[in-house]
C-alpha cells in the first residue's frame, strides 16, 4: 500500500503512538519478506567517508530507533546507513507526555522527548541480534548523557557509552545539541567541548588498541549557532581530530511556525522549517573546514531536491527522520536517485 494512503490513518493517532505502531508494522512486514512491496530500492551510489564504504549516501537520522530495536526492517528500506540512539548509560523515561506534536501545514514536528531510551546495555543487546550489523551494514550509534548527570560529569556518561558501543558501531555520534536535555547545548561552548572531545579521543585510542579497529567519532551540532560560533566549533573539531560533523539537530527557533497549532510548544522543531537553517550551517562549516572532515547534512529533507541542496552546500552524506513521517519509505529511493542524477 502506498504510504500516502496510510498517512491519514497514522495522523489520526497521537504522534508517539503512531511512531511505535509504524515501527511494529515495519518489523512484521520485514519478517514476512514483504517490504519490497512498499519500498523499492534505488541502485547503489557508493560513497567513501570516515574511512567507511557507504552503499549510498542516504541515511536514517538518530531518533527514529532510539533503542536499536528495528534496525533490520529500517535498513531494508534502502538506506545506505542507519543511525540509532540517542542512548544513555542508564535507562530513562524522558519528559512527560504529550511530548511530540505534528505541524502538517509546515511538514514539521516538534518533540521534547528528552532522550527517552532503555539504556545502552539494552541497545547493545539489540544490535547483537541485528542481522544488518552482523553482516557489515553501516551502523552509527548516537550517545548522550543522562538528564540528571551534571555537565561537569557529562564526560563520564559519554565515555561509559563509548566503551559499551565501540565494538558494535561503524561510527559513534556524540550528541551535544539536543534542546530537550537541560543545559546539554552548553557543552558546545569552546572550553567544555574541547575537554569533552579530548577525553573521548583518548578513550577512542585505547579502545582502538584493545579491539584492533578504529571506530570514527562524529559530533552532532545545533542549527541555532552564529557563523562565528560555527567557525570556532569547526576549529575545535579539526584540532581534536574528530572524523565527522553532523549538521544539524533540531531548532529552538519558532519564527516559521509561531502562528500554527502547536507552533509554540517547547522542544526541537524539525522538518520543512529547518531546511534553510540547516543548509546555512552546512555552508558555514564547509567554508570553515576546507575539507578537513566530512559533513553529514540533516534537517528538513523532504524531497530529492532537498537532498541535492545539502550536498551542494558541502555535505558528503545526508540523513532524515521527519521526512519519513511526511513522505514515507519512498523518500529513500527518491533521494538516492536525485543524488545519482546530480553526479
Protein backbone atom coordinates (compact mmCIF):
# COMPACT_ATOMS: atom_id res chain seq x y z
CA UNK A 1 0.00 0.00 0.00
CA UNK A 2 1.31 3.46 -0.87
CA UNK A 3 2.27 5.50 2.19
CA UNK A 4 0.05 8.43 1.16
CA UNK A 5 -2.97 6.17 1.78
CA UNK A 6 -1.75 5.15 5.23
CA UNK A 7 -0.70 8.60 6.40
CA UNK A 8 -4.20 9.94 7.24
CA UNK A 9 -4.78 6.91 9.47
CA UNK A 10 -1.48 7.41 11.26
CA UNK A 11 -2.03 11.16 11.60
CA UNK A 12 -5.33 10.47 13.35
CA UNK A 13 -3.31 8.94 16.19
CA UNK A 14 -1.11 10.58 18.81
CA UNK A 15 2.29 11.08 17.11
CA UNK A 16 4.23 8.98 19.59
CA UNK A 17 1.73 6.13 19.39
CA UNK A 18 1.76 6.31 15.59
CA UNK A 19 5.56 6.14 15.67
CA UNK A 20 5.53 2.95 17.73
CA UNK A 21 2.82 1.28 15.63
CA UNK A 22 4.64 2.14 12.40
CA UNK A 23 7.87 0.53 13.60
CA UNK A 24 5.98 -2.58 14.75
CA UNK A 25 4.27 -2.82 11.35
CA UNK A 26 7.62 -2.44 9.58
CA UNK A 27 9.07 -5.26 11.66
CA UNK A 28 6.14 -7.56 10.79
CA UNK A 29 6.30 -6.67 7.10
CA UNK A 30 10.06 -7.29 7.07
CA UNK A 31 9.63 -10.66 8.80
CA UNK A 32 7.15 -11.68 6.08
CA UNK A 33 9.56 -10.61 3.35
CA UNK A 34 7.11 -8.04 2.00
CA UNK A 35 8.98 -4.77 2.49
CA UNK A 36 9.82 -4.72 -1.20
CA UNK A 37 6.16 -4.00 -1.90
CA UNK A 38 6.27 -0.68 -0.06
CA UNK A 39 9.87 0.41 -0.63
CA UNK A 40 11.51 -0.02 -4.00
CA UNK A 41 15.25 0.28 -3.54
CA UNK A 42 17.29 2.56 -5.76
CA UNK A 43 20.51 1.41 -7.39
CA UNK A 44 23.65 1.73 -5.33
CA UNK A 45 25.55 5.01 -5.19
CA UNK A 46 28.73 4.14 -3.24
CA UNK A 47 30.43 6.82 -1.18
CA UNK A 48 33.57 6.54 0.94
CA UNK A 49 33.75 8.78 4.01
CA UNK A 50 35.10 8.48 7.58
CA UNK A 51 37.15 5.58 6.23
CA UNK A 52 33.88 3.70 5.65
CA UNK A 53 32.33 2.46 2.39
CA UNK A 54 28.67 3.52 2.30
CA UNK A 55 26.41 1.72 -0.23
CA UNK A 56 24.70 5.06 -0.82
CA UNK A 57 24.85 8.47 0.90
CA UNK A 58 21.28 8.47 2.26
CA UNK A 59 20.97 7.61 5.94
CA UNK A 60 18.38 7.41 8.68
CA UNK A 61 18.93 10.05 11.35
CA UNK A 62 19.06 9.20 15.04
CA UNK A 63 15.81 9.40 16.97
CA UNK A 64 13.58 7.09 14.97
CA UNK A 65 15.04 3.93 16.53
CA UNK A 66 16.37 5.03 19.89
CA UNK A 67 17.00 1.52 21.22
CA UNK A 68 18.15 -0.20 18.04
CA UNK A 69 15.13 -2.50 18.17
CA UNK A 70 14.14 -2.13 14.50
CA UNK A 71 17.48 -1.98 12.65
CA UNK A 72 16.90 -4.74 10.12
CA UNK A 73 13.47 -3.55 9.00
CA UNK A 74 14.62 0.06 8.64
CA UNK A 75 17.75 -0.94 6.76
CA UNK A 76 15.65 -2.95 4.32
CA UNK A 77 14.03 0.32 3.16
CA UNK A 78 17.20 1.05 1.20
CA UNK A 79 19.16 3.35 3.48
CA UNK A 80 22.91 3.43 2.94
CA UNK A 81 23.39 3.66 6.68
CA UNK A 82 21.34 3.66 9.86
CA UNK A 83 21.98 5.74 12.98
CA UNK A 84 20.35 4.57 16.20
CA UNK A 85 20.01 6.27 19.59
CA UNK A 86 20.39 8.61 21.33
CA UNK A 87 21.34 6.15 24.07
CA UNK A 88 22.39 6.97 27.63
CA UNK A 89 24.25 4.96 30.29
CA UNK A 90 21.10 4.36 32.33
CA UNK A 91 17.52 3.88 31.13
CA UNK A 92 15.34 6.97 31.46
CA UNK A 93 11.69 7.70 30.63
CA UNK A 94 12.26 11.11 29.08
CA UNK A 95 9.99 14.10 29.52
CA UNK A 96 6.27 13.92 30.43
CA UNK A 97 3.75 13.22 27.67
CA UNK A 98 2.45 14.63 25.39
CA UNK A 99 5.89 15.44 24.03
CA UNK A 100 5.62 15.12 20.24
CA UNK A 101 3.49 17.35 18.01
CA UNK A 102 2.78 17.43 14.28
CA UNK A 103 2.60 20.67 12.32
CA UNK A 104 1.35 19.28 8.99
CA UNK A 105 0.92 22.70 7.35
CA UNK A 106 4.70 23.07 7.59
CA UNK A 107 5.65 19.38 7.18
CA UNK A 108 7.22 19.69 10.62
CA UNK A 109 7.42 18.08 14.05
CA UNK A 110 8.15 19.46 17.48
CA UNK A 111 9.46 17.00 20.02
CA UNK A 112 10.64 17.26 23.59
CA UNK A 113 11.19 13.56 24.16
CA UNK A 114 14.30 14.05 26.27
CA UNK A 115 16.48 11.05 25.39
CA UNK A 116 13.82 8.53 26.39
CA UNK A 117 15.52 5.16 26.00
CA UNK A 118 16.11 1.78 27.61
CA UNK A 119 19.78 2.42 28.30
CA UNK A 120 22.95 1.48 26.49
CA UNK A 121 23.00 -2.18 27.62
CA UNK A 122 19.58 -2.79 26.03
CA UNK A 123 20.72 -1.08 22.83
CA UNK A 124 23.84 -3.26 22.63
CA UNK A 125 21.74 -6.41 23.04
CA UNK A 126 19.50 -5.30 20.18
CA UNK A 127 22.48 -4.56 17.95
CA UNK A 128 23.91 -8.00 18.66
CA UNK A 129 20.62 -9.53 17.45
CA UNK A 130 20.64 -7.45 14.27
CA UNK A 131 21.43 -9.22 11.02
CA UNK A 132 22.29 -5.85 9.42
CA UNK A 133 25.03 -5.21 11.99
CA UNK A 134 26.40 -8.76 11.83
CA UNK A 135 26.61 -8.61 8.03
CA UNK A 136 28.59 -5.38 7.96
CA UNK A 137 25.87 -2.78 7.43
CA UNK A 138 26.97 0.76 8.25
CA UNK A 139 25.58 1.45 11.72
CA UNK A 140 26.04 4.70 13.60
CA UNK A 141 25.33 4.80 17.33
CA UNK A 142 24.39 8.15 18.85
CA UNK A 143 25.38 8.65 22.51
CA UNK A 144 24.34 11.20 25.14
CA UNK A 145 24.21 11.83 28.84
CA UNK A 146 21.50 11.08 31.38
CA UNK A 147 19.32 14.06 32.23
CA UNK A 148 20.41 14.09 35.88
CA UNK A 149 24.15 13.97 35.17
CA UNK A 150 25.57 17.49 35.66
CA UNK A 151 27.60 18.91 32.80
CA UNK A 152 30.76 18.80 34.94
CA UNK A 153 30.45 14.99 34.85
CA UNK A 154 28.99 14.68 31.35
CA UNK A 155 32.22 13.17 30.02
CA UNK A 156 31.72 10.19 32.35
CA UNK A 157 28.41 9.37 30.65
CA UNK A 158 29.75 9.78 27.13
CA UNK A 159 32.80 7.65 27.95
CA UNK A 160 30.64 4.94 29.52
CA UNK A 161 28.51 4.77 26.38
CA UNK A 162 31.51 4.85 24.05
CA UNK A 163 33.07 1.87 25.83
CA UNK A 164 29.84 -0.13 25.57
CA UNK A 165 29.05 0.58 21.90
CA UNK A 166 32.55 0.84 20.42
CA UNK A 167 32.83 -2.72 19.12
CA UNK A 168 29.26 -2.66 17.73
CA UNK A 169 29.35 0.60 15.77
CA UNK A 170 30.63 1.66 12.36
CA UNK A 171 30.87 5.17 13.82
CA UNK A 172 29.79 6.83 17.06
CA UNK A 173 27.99 10.19 17.22
CA UNK A 174 28.45 12.48 20.21
CA UNK A 175 25.15 14.31 20.71
CA UNK A 176 25.73 17.67 22.41
CA UNK A 177 22.95 19.53 20.64
CA UNK A 178 19.53 18.24 21.66
CA UNK A 179 17.43 21.10 23.07
CA UNK A 180 15.44 18.68 25.25
CA UNK A 181 18.02 17.87 27.95
CA UNK A 182 18.59 20.83 30.23
CA UNK A 183 21.93 22.60 29.64
CA UNK A 184 23.14 19.95 27.16
CA UNK A 185 23.85 22.56 24.49
CA UNK A 186 26.22 24.31 26.89
CA UNK A 187 28.65 21.51 26.00
CA UNK A 188 29.09 23.22 22.61
CA UNK A 189 30.93 26.08 24.33
CA UNK A 190 34.62 26.21 23.45
CA UNK A 191 36.23 25.02 26.68
CA UNK A 192 33.58 22.43 27.53
CA UNK A 193 33.66 20.97 24.02
CA UNK A 194 37.46 20.83 23.93
CA UNK A 195 37.62 18.99 27.25
CA UNK A 196 34.89 16.52 26.26
CA UNK A 197 36.35 15.72 22.86
CA UNK A 198 39.87 15.37 24.24
CA UNK A 199 38.62 12.78 26.75
CA UNK A 200 36.70 10.91 24.05
CA UNK A 201 39.64 10.85 21.65
CA UNK A 202 41.93 9.50 24.35
CA UNK A 203 39.42 6.74 25.08
CA UNK A 204 38.95 6.08 21.37
CA UNK A 205 42.70 5.44 21.02
CA UNK A 206 42.66 2.95 23.92
CA UNK A 207 39.62 1.16 22.53
CA UNK A 208 41.14 1.01 19.04
CA UNK A 209 44.19 -0.75 20.51
CA UNK A 210 42.03 -3.11 22.55
CA UNK A 211 39.73 -4.06 19.66
CA UNK A 212 42.19 -3.77 16.80
CA UNK A 213 39.77 -1.48 14.99
CA UNK A 214 39.39 2.29 14.69
CA UNK A 215 35.79 3.50 15.04
CA UNK A 216 35.34 7.13 13.91
CA UNK A 217 33.73 9.80 16.08
CA UNK A 218 31.19 12.30 14.75
CA UNK A 219 29.80 15.31 16.61
CA UNK A 220 26.20 16.45 16.11
CA UNK A 221 25.70 20.21 16.40
CA UNK A 222 22.76 22.57 16.76
CA UNK A 223 21.39 24.81 13.99
CA UNK A 224 20.98 27.73 16.40
CA UNK A 225 24.57 28.93 16.09
CA UNK A 226 26.04 32.10 14.61
CA UNK A 227 28.62 31.98 11.85
CA UNK A 228 31.37 32.87 14.35
CA UNK A 229 30.24 30.08 16.68
CA UNK A 230 30.29 27.59 13.79
CA UNK A 231 33.80 28.71 12.84
CA UNK A 232 35.02 28.31 16.43
CA UNK A 233 33.40 24.90 16.68
CA UNK A 234 34.91 23.80 13.36
CA UNK A 235 38.38 24.76 14.61
CA UNK A 236 37.92 22.59 17.71
CA UNK A 237 36.74 19.61 15.65
CA UNK A 238 39.84 19.85 13.48
CA UNK A 239 42.15 20.39 16.45
CA UNK A 240 40.74 17.35 18.26
CA UNK A 241 40.83 15.19 15.09
CA UNK A 242 37.12 14.41 15.07
CA UNK A 243 36.28 12.36 11.99
CA UNK A 244 32.90 13.91 11.01
CA UNK A 245 30.33 16.52 11.95
CA UNK A 246 26.56 16.12 11.69
CA UNK A 247 24.70 19.33 10.90
CA UNK A 248 22.17 19.74 12.33
CA UNK A 249 19.96 18.77 15.22
CA UNK A 250 16.51 20.31 15.73
CA UNK A 251 16.00 24.04 16.26
CA UNK A 252 14.50 26.09 19.06
CA UNK A 253 13.55 28.84 16.58
CA UNK A 254 9.80 29.31 16.03
CA UNK A 255 9.57 32.17 13.53
CA UNK A 256 8.24 29.99 10.73
CA UNK A 257 5.60 28.18 12.79
CA UNK A 258 4.60 30.55 15.59
CA UNK A 259 1.10 31.05 14.14
CA UNK A 260 0.42 27.36 13.61
CA UNK A 261 -1.34 24.99 16.01
CA UNK A 262 1.31 23.57 18.38
CA UNK A 263 3.81 26.05 16.93
CA UNK A 264 4.72 27.43 20.35
CA UNK A 265 5.22 24.08 22.05
CA UNK A 266 8.59 23.69 23.77
CA UNK A 267 11.11 21.33 22.20
CA UNK A 268 13.06 20.88 19.00
CA UNK A 269 11.50 21.78 15.66
CA UNK A 270 12.34 19.55 12.68
CA UNK A 271 11.12 19.17 9.13
CA UNK A 272 10.44 21.80 6.48
CA UNK A 273 11.11 24.95 8.53
CA UNK A 274 14.59 23.66 9.46
CA UNK A 275 15.78 23.11 5.88
CA UNK A 276 17.30 26.51 5.08
CA UNK A 277 18.74 26.98 8.58
CA UNK A 278 20.46 23.60 8.48
CA UNK A 279 21.79 24.20 4.97
CA UNK A 280 23.23 27.54 6.06
CA UNK A 281 25.16 25.88 8.89
CA UNK A 282 26.46 23.27 6.44
CA UNK A 283 27.72 26.05 4.14
CA UNK A 284 29.47 27.79 7.05
CA UNK A 285 31.04 24.51 8.15
CA UNK A 286 32.15 23.71 4.62
CA UNK A 287 33.88 27.07 4.33
CA UNK A 288 35.49 26.77 7.76
CA UNK A 289 36.61 23.14 7.48
CA UNK A 290 38.07 23.34 3.98
CA UNK A 291 37.60 19.60 3.54
CA UNK A 292 39.32 18.65 6.80
CA UNK A 293 36.44 16.34 7.74
CA UNK A 294 33.17 15.28 6.12
CA UNK A 295 29.81 16.84 6.91
CA UNK A 296 26.65 14.76 7.30
CA UNK A 297 23.73 17.01 6.37
CA UNK A 298 20.40 16.63 8.10
CA UNK A 299 17.43 18.94 8.59
CA UNK A 300 14.31 19.49 6.51
CA UNK A 301 14.94 16.92 3.79
CA UNK A 302 11.52 16.19 2.30
CA UNK A 303 12.44 15.57 -1.34
CA UNK A 304 15.26 14.58 -3.64
CA UNK A 305 15.83 18.27 -4.38
CA UNK A 306 16.36 18.92 -0.66
CA UNK A 307 18.95 16.13 -0.56
CA UNK A 308 20.79 17.69 -3.53
CA UNK A 309 20.74 21.07 -1.77
CA UNK A 310 22.54 19.62 1.25
CA UNK A 311 25.22 18.00 -0.90
CA UNK A 312 25.65 21.20 -2.93
CA UNK A 313 26.14 23.11 0.34
CA UNK A 314 29.05 20.87 1.29
CA UNK A 315 27.65 17.68 2.83
CA UNK A 316 29.10 14.31 1.85
CA UNK A 317 26.26 12.24 3.31
CA UNK A 318 22.69 13.10 4.29
CA UNK A 319 20.17 11.86 6.84
CA UNK A 320 16.49 12.40 7.55
CA UNK A 321 13.82 11.36 10.05
CA UNK A 322 10.89 13.80 9.86
CA UNK A 323 10.86 13.33 6.09
CA UNK A 324 9.92 9.70 6.70
CA UNK A 325 6.91 10.81 8.74
CA UNK A 326 5.58 13.00 5.93
CA UNK A 327 6.80 11.18 2.81
CA UNK A 328 7.23 7.57 3.90
CA UNK A 329 9.75 4.99 2.67
CA UNK A 330 9.68 6.16 -0.95
CA UNK A 331 11.74 9.19 0.10
CA UNK A 332 14.83 6.99 0.46
CA UNK A 333 14.98 5.88 -3.16
CA UNK A 334 13.92 9.34 -4.36
CA UNK A 335 16.92 10.90 -2.62
CA UNK A 336 19.34 8.27 -3.91
CA UNK A 337 18.09 8.76 -7.48
CA UNK A 338 18.26 12.55 -7.17
CA UNK A 339 21.86 12.42 -5.94
CA UNK A 340 22.82 9.95 -8.66
CA UNK A 341 21.29 12.23 -11.31
CA UNK A 342 23.32 15.17 -9.98
CA UNK A 343 26.63 13.32 -10.38
